[in-house]
Amino acid sequence: MIHTEVMPYIYITDIKYFKRNNVTSGSVLLLSNIKINLNKNLNLIRLPLEYTGKHHEYKESITKNKILIANQLITIMNVILEIHKTTNRENLYITCPDGLQAAPFIFMAYLVYYGKMKKEDALACVLSKNCDFFKDGILYYDILK
């Protein structure tokens, strides 16, 4: 089970975290189409970012995936920014099935785009929070600018 605070009020989690814990407030940015039962008080935002299948095989050609993901990143980054800048400061859970690839990648992209970090520094920052992130290698690292 993955549950890592990467920034105040922002967590990277896997889907199992919600099955095992009674999370009752905050927003969940779910980067998958997987059906999940959440507490009715949670704000669920579903923005699927499923670019690999089981065992990380690519669903499409790498070039096509890079274009699709780059376009999706802008929308996802704006959603995170809107949630994070609200004054009520509820927790934001960035969630993907295993919590090891898509969710940390999205947070890393957030650091690059809005934190103005170099992608190498953003990667080091994310890995300093949990060394299991990207344990099978990082996909699409080169689309971050």
C-alpha atoms as a PDB file:
ATOM      1  CA  MET A   1       0.000   0.000   0.000  1.00  0.00           C
ATOM      2  CA  ILE A   2       1.393   3.381  -1.053  1.00  0.00           C
ATOM      3  CA  HIS A   3       0.598   6.526   0.923  1.00  0.00           C
ATOM      4  CA  THR A   4       3.246   9.229   0.743  1.00  0.00           C
ATOM      5  CA  GLU A   5       2.956  12.895   1.636  1.00  0.00           C
ATOM      6  CA  VAL A   6       4.947  14.670  -1.057  1.00  0.00           C
ATOM      7  CA  MET A   7       3.977  18.204  -0.098  1.00  0.00           C
ATOM      8  CA  PRO A   8       1.732  19.617   2.614  1.00  0.00           C
ATOM      9  CA  TYR A   9      -1.795  18.445   1.818  1.00  0.00           C
ATOM     10  CA  ILE A  10      -0.718  16.493  -1.279  1.00  0.00           C
ATOM     11  CA  TYR A  11      -0.363  12.711  -1.128  1.00  0.00           C
ATOM     12  CA  ILE A  12       0.509  10.037  -3.658  1.00  0.00           C
ATOM     13  CA  THR A  13      -1.504   6.897  -3.034  1.00  0.00           C
ATOM     14  CA  ASP A  14      -2.536   3.667  -4.650  1.00  0.00           C
ATOM     15  CA  ILE A  15      -6.103   2.438  -4.912  1.00  0.00           C
ATOM     16  CA  LYS A  16      -5.555  -0.090  -2.105  1.00  0.00           C
ATOM     17  CA  TYR A  17      -5.072   2.797   0.318  1.00  0.00           C
ATOM     18  CA  PHE A  18      -8.730   3.782  -0.026  1.00  0.00           C
ATOM     19  CA  LYS A  19      -9.901   0.183   0.315  1.00  0.00           C
ATOM     20  CA  ARG A  20      -8.048  -0.224   3.616  1.00  0.00           C
ATOM     21  CA  ASN A  21      -8.556   3.216   5.157  1.00  0.00           C
ATOM     22  CA  ASN A  22     -11.642   5.244   5.838  1.00  0.00           C
ATOM     23  CA  VAL A  23     -10.648   8.525   4.215  1.00  0.00           C
ATOM     24  CA  THR A  24     -13.508  10.935   4.829  1.00  0.00           C
ATOM     25  CA  SER A  25     -12.455  14.299   3.410  1.00  0.00           C
ATOM     26  CA  GLY A  26     -10.414  15.797   0.613  1.00  0.00           C
ATOM     27  CA  SER A  27     -10.165  15.395  -3.129  1.00  0.00           C
ATOM     28  CA  VAL A  28      -9.070  12.294  -4.992  1.00  0.00           C
ATOM     29  CA  LEU A  29      -7.478  12.757  -8.400  1.00  0.00           C
ATOM     30  CA  LEU A  30      -7.902   9.257  -9.828  1.00  0.00           C
ATOM     31  CA  LEU A  31      -5.663   8.641 -12.833  1.00  0.00           C
ATOM     32  CA  SER A  32      -7.492   5.486 -13.864  1.00  0.00           C
ATOM     33  CA  ASN A  33     -10.830   4.168 -15.079  1.00  0.00           C
ATOM     34  CA  ILE A  34     -10.819   1.482 -12.373  1.00  0.00           C
ATOM     35  CA  LYS A  35     -14.066   1.445 -10.403  1.00  0.00           C
ATOM     36  CA  ILE A  36     -13.540   2.308  -6.755  1.00  0.00           C
ATOM     37  CA  ASN A  37     -15.934   2.887  -3.883  1.00  0.00           C
ATOM     38  CA  LEU A  38     -15.028   6.019  -1.962  1.00  0.00           C
ATOM     39  CA  ASN A  39     -16.555   7.809   0.989  1.00  0.00           C
ATOM     40  CA  LYS A  40     -19.349  10.065  -0.258  1.00  0.00           C
ATOM     41  CA  ASN A  41     -17.667  13.107   1.345  1.00  0.00           C
ATOM     42  CA  LEU A  42     -14.636  12.797  -0.933  1.00  0.00           C
ATOM     43  CA  ASN A  43     -14.478  14.853  -4.095  1.00  0.00           C
ATOM     44  CA  LEU A  44     -13.594  12.385  -6.877  1.00  0.00           C
ATOM     45  CA  ILE A  45     -11.945  13.756 -10.015  1.00  0.00           C
ATOM     46  CA  ARG A  46     -11.327  11.052 -12.594  1.00  0.00           C
ATOM     47  CA  LEU A  47      -8.695  11.935 -15.211  1.00  0.00           C
ATOM     48  CA  PRO A  48      -7.462   8.620 -16.628  1.00  0.00           C
ATOM     49  CA  LEU A  49      -3.790   8.501 -17.514  1.00  0.00           C
ATOM     50  CA  GLU A  50      -3.451   4.863 -18.422  1.00  0.00           C
ATOM     51  CA  TYR A  51      -0.612   4.679 -20.856  1.00  0.00           C
ATOM     52  CA  THR A  52       0.565   1.192 -20.071  1.00  0.00           C
ATOM     53  CA  GLY A  53      -1.059  -2.136 -19.567  1.00  0.00           C
ATOM     54  CA  LYS A  54      -0.067  -4.934 -17.235  1.00  0.00           C
ATOM     55  CA  HIS A  55       3.667  -5.316 -16.766  1.00  0.00           C
ATOM     56  CA  HIS A  56       4.179  -1.869 -18.313  1.00  0.00           C
ATOM     57  CA  GLU A  57       3.722  -2.880 -21.951  1.00  0.00           C
ATOM     58  CA  TYR A  58       2.771   0.128 -24.033  1.00  0.00           C
ATOM     59  CA  LYS A  59      -0.823   0.343 -25.232  1.00  0.00           C
ATOM     60  CA  GLU A  60      -0.007   2.476 -28.242  1.00  0.00           C
ATOM     61  CA  SER A  61       3.114   3.502 -30.090  1.00  0.00           C
ATOM     62  CA  ILE A  62       5.521   5.488 -27.935  1.00  0.00           C
ATOM     63  CA  THR A  63       5.281   8.541 -30.207  1.00  0.00           C
ATOM     64  CA  LYS A  64       1.478   8.556 -30.086  1.00  0.00           C
ATOM     65  CA  ASN A  65       1.528   8.063 -26.299  1.00  0.00           C
ATOM     66  CA  LYS A  66       3.899  10.991 -25.803  1.00  0.00           C
ATOM     67  CA  ILE A  67       1.560  13.328 -27.663  1.00  0.00           C
ATOM     68  CA  LEU A  68      -1.516  12.080 -25.772  1.00  0.00           C
ATOM     69  CA  ILE A  69       0.163  12.325 -22.373  1.00  0.00           C
ATOM     70  CA  ALA A  70       1.648  15.754 -23.057  1.00  0.00           C
ATOM     71  CA  ASN A  71      -1.840  17.023 -23.916  1.00  0.00           C
ATOM     72  CA  GLN A  72      -3.358  15.408 -20.806  1.00  0.00           C
ATOM     73  CA  LEU A  73      -0.682  16.867 -18.527  1.00  0.00           C
ATOM     74  CA  ILE A  74      -1.877  20.442 -18.994  1.00  0.00           C
ATOM     75  CA  THR A  75      -5.418  19.557 -17.896  1.00  0.00           C
ATOM     76  CA  ILE A  76      -4.212  17.510 -14.935  1.00  0.00           C
ATOM     77  CA  MET A  77      -1.740  20.207 -13.825  1.00  0.00           C
ATOM     78  CA  ASN A  78      -4.475  22.844 -13.881  1.00  0.00           C
ATOM     79  CA  VAL A  79      -6.773  20.655 -11.770  1.00  0.00           C
ATOM     80  CA  ILE A  80      -4.029  20.119  -9.173  1.00  0.00           C
ATOM     81  CA  LEU A  81      -3.227  23.829  -9.096  1.00  0.00           C
ATOM     82  CA  GLU A  82      -6.884  24.792  -8.581  1.00  0.00           C
ATOM     83  CA  ILE A  83      -7.324  22.313  -5.742  1.00  0.00           C
ATOM     84  CA  HIS A  84      -4.033  23.156  -4.061  1.00  0.00           C
ATOM     85  CA  LYS A  85      -4.538  26.920  -4.091  1.00  0.00           C
ATOM     86  CA  THR A  86      -7.951  26.862  -2.384  1.00  0.00           C
ATOM     87  CA  THR A  87      -8.029  28.294   1.110  1.00  0.00           C
ATOM     88  CA  ASN A  88      -9.798  25.345   2.753  1.00  0.00           C
ATOM     89  CA  ARG A  89      -6.623  23.265   2.437  1.00  0.00           C
ATOM     90  CA  GLU A  90      -8.144  19.825   2.225  1.00  0.00           C
ATOM     91  CA  ASN A  91      -5.950  16.912   1.321  1.00  0.00           C
ATOM     92  CA  LEU A  92      -5.422  16.043  -2.326  1.00  0.00           C
ATOM     93  CA  TYR A  93      -4.740  12.389  -3.092  1.00  0.00           C
ATOM     94  CA  ILE A  94      -3.106  11.762  -6.478  1.00  0.00           C
ATOM     95  CA  THR A  95      -3.994   8.140  -7.086  1.00  0.00           C
ATOM     96  CA  CYS A  96      -3.220   5.469  -9.646  1.00  0.00           C
ATOM     97  CA  PRO A  97      -3.612   1.675  -9.459  1.00  0.00           C
ATOM     98  CA  ASP A  98      -0.192   0.902  -7.972  1.00  0.00           C
ATOM     99  CA  GLY A  99       0.903   4.378  -6.832  1.00  0.00           C
ATOM    100  CA  LEU A 100       4.343   3.829  -8.330  1.00  0.00           C
ATOM    101  CA  GLN A 101       4.272   5.237 -11.857  1.00  0.00           C
ATOM    102  CA  ALA A 102       1.471   7.545 -13.035  1.00  0.00           C
ATOM    103  CA  ALA A 103       0.743   9.345  -9.734  1.00  0.00           C
ATOM    104  CA  PRO A 104       4.386  10.193  -8.921  1.00  0.00           C
ATOM    105  CA  PHE A 105       4.943  11.173 -12.566  1.00  0.00           C
ATOM    106  CA  ILE A 106       2.034  13.623 -12.362  1.00  0.00           C
ATOM    107  CA  PHE A 107       3.407  15.161  -9.174  1.00  0.00           C
ATOM    108  CA  MET A 108       6.861  15.381 -10.751  1.00  0.00           C
ATOM    109  CA  ALA A 109       5.320  17.170 -13.745  1.00  0.00           C
ATOM    110  CA  TYR A 110       3.574  19.535 -11.308  1.00  0.00           C
ATOM    111  CA  LEU A 111       6.952  20.410  -9.777  1.00  0.00           C
ATOM    112  CA  VAL A 112       8.446  21.026 -13.222  1.00  0.00           C
ATOM    113  CA  TYR A 113       5.585  23.111 -14.607  1.00  0.00           C
ATOM    114  CA  TYR A 114       4.493  25.135 -11.590  1.00  0.00           C
ATOM    115  CA  GLY A 115       7.464  24.773  -9.268  1.00  0.00           C
ATOM    116  CA  LYS A 116       9.823  25.736 -12.111  1.00  0.00           C
ATOM    117  CA  MET A 117      12.156  22.905 -11.120  1.00  0.00           C
ATOM    118  CA  LYS A 118      14.507  21.153 -13.488  1.00  0.00           C
ATOM    119  CA  LYS A 119      13.161  17.707 -14.234  1.00  0.00           C
ATOM    120  CA  GLU A 120      16.253  16.095 -12.685  1.00  0.00           C
ATOM    121  CA  ASP A 121      15.645  18.007  -9.437  1.00  0.00           C
ATOM    122  CA  ALA A 122      11.929  17.178  -9.490  1.00  0.00           C
ATOM    123  CA  LEU A 123      12.764  13.480  -9.907  1.00  0.00           C
ATOM    124  CA  ALA A 124      15.219  13.638  -6.994  1.00  0.00           C
ATOM    125  CA  CYS A 125      12.597  15.395  -4.876  1.00  0.00           C
ATOM    126  CA  VAL A 126       9.931  12.789  -5.609  1.00  0.00           C
ATOM    127  CA  LEU A 127      12.313   9.903  -4.989  1.00  0.00           C
ATOM    128  CA  SER A 128      13.392  11.470  -1.698  1.00  0.00           C
ATOM    129  CA  LYS A 129       9.794  11.076  -0.521  1.00  0.00           C
ATOM    130  CA  ASN A 130       9.556   7.398  -1.496  1.00  0.00           C
ATOM    131  CA  CYS A 131      12.378   5.431  -3.130  1.00  0.00           C
ATOM    132  CA  ASP A 132       9.881   2.843  -4.436  1.00  0.00           C
ATOM    133  CA  PHE A 133       8.442   5.313  -6.945  1.00  0.00           C
ATOM    134  CA  PHE A 134       9.471   4.377 -10.491  1.00  0.00           C
ATOM    135  CA  LYS A 135      11.065   1.155  -9.242  1.00  0.00           C
ATOM    136  CA  ASP A 136      10.490  -0.374 -12.693  1.00  0.00           C
ATOM    137  CA  GLY A 137      11.924   2.703 -14.439  1.00  0.00           C
ATOM    138  CA  ILE A 138      10.261   5.992 -15.286  1.00  0.00           C
ATOM    139  CA  LEU A 139       8.120   6.127 -18.407  1.00  0.00           C
ATOM    140  CA  TYR A 140       7.841   9.294 -20.515  1.00  0.00           C
ATOM    141  CA  TYR A 141      10.437  11.229 -18.520  1.00  0.00           C
ATOM    142  CA  ASP A 142      11.551  12.950 -21.725  1.00  0.00           C
ATOM    143  CA  ILE A 143       8.200  14.702 -22.327  1.00  0.00           C
ATOM    144  CA  LEU A 144       8.797  16.974 -19.319  1.00  0.00           C
ATOM    145  CA  LYS A 145      10.362  20.266 -20.340  1.00  0.00           C
END
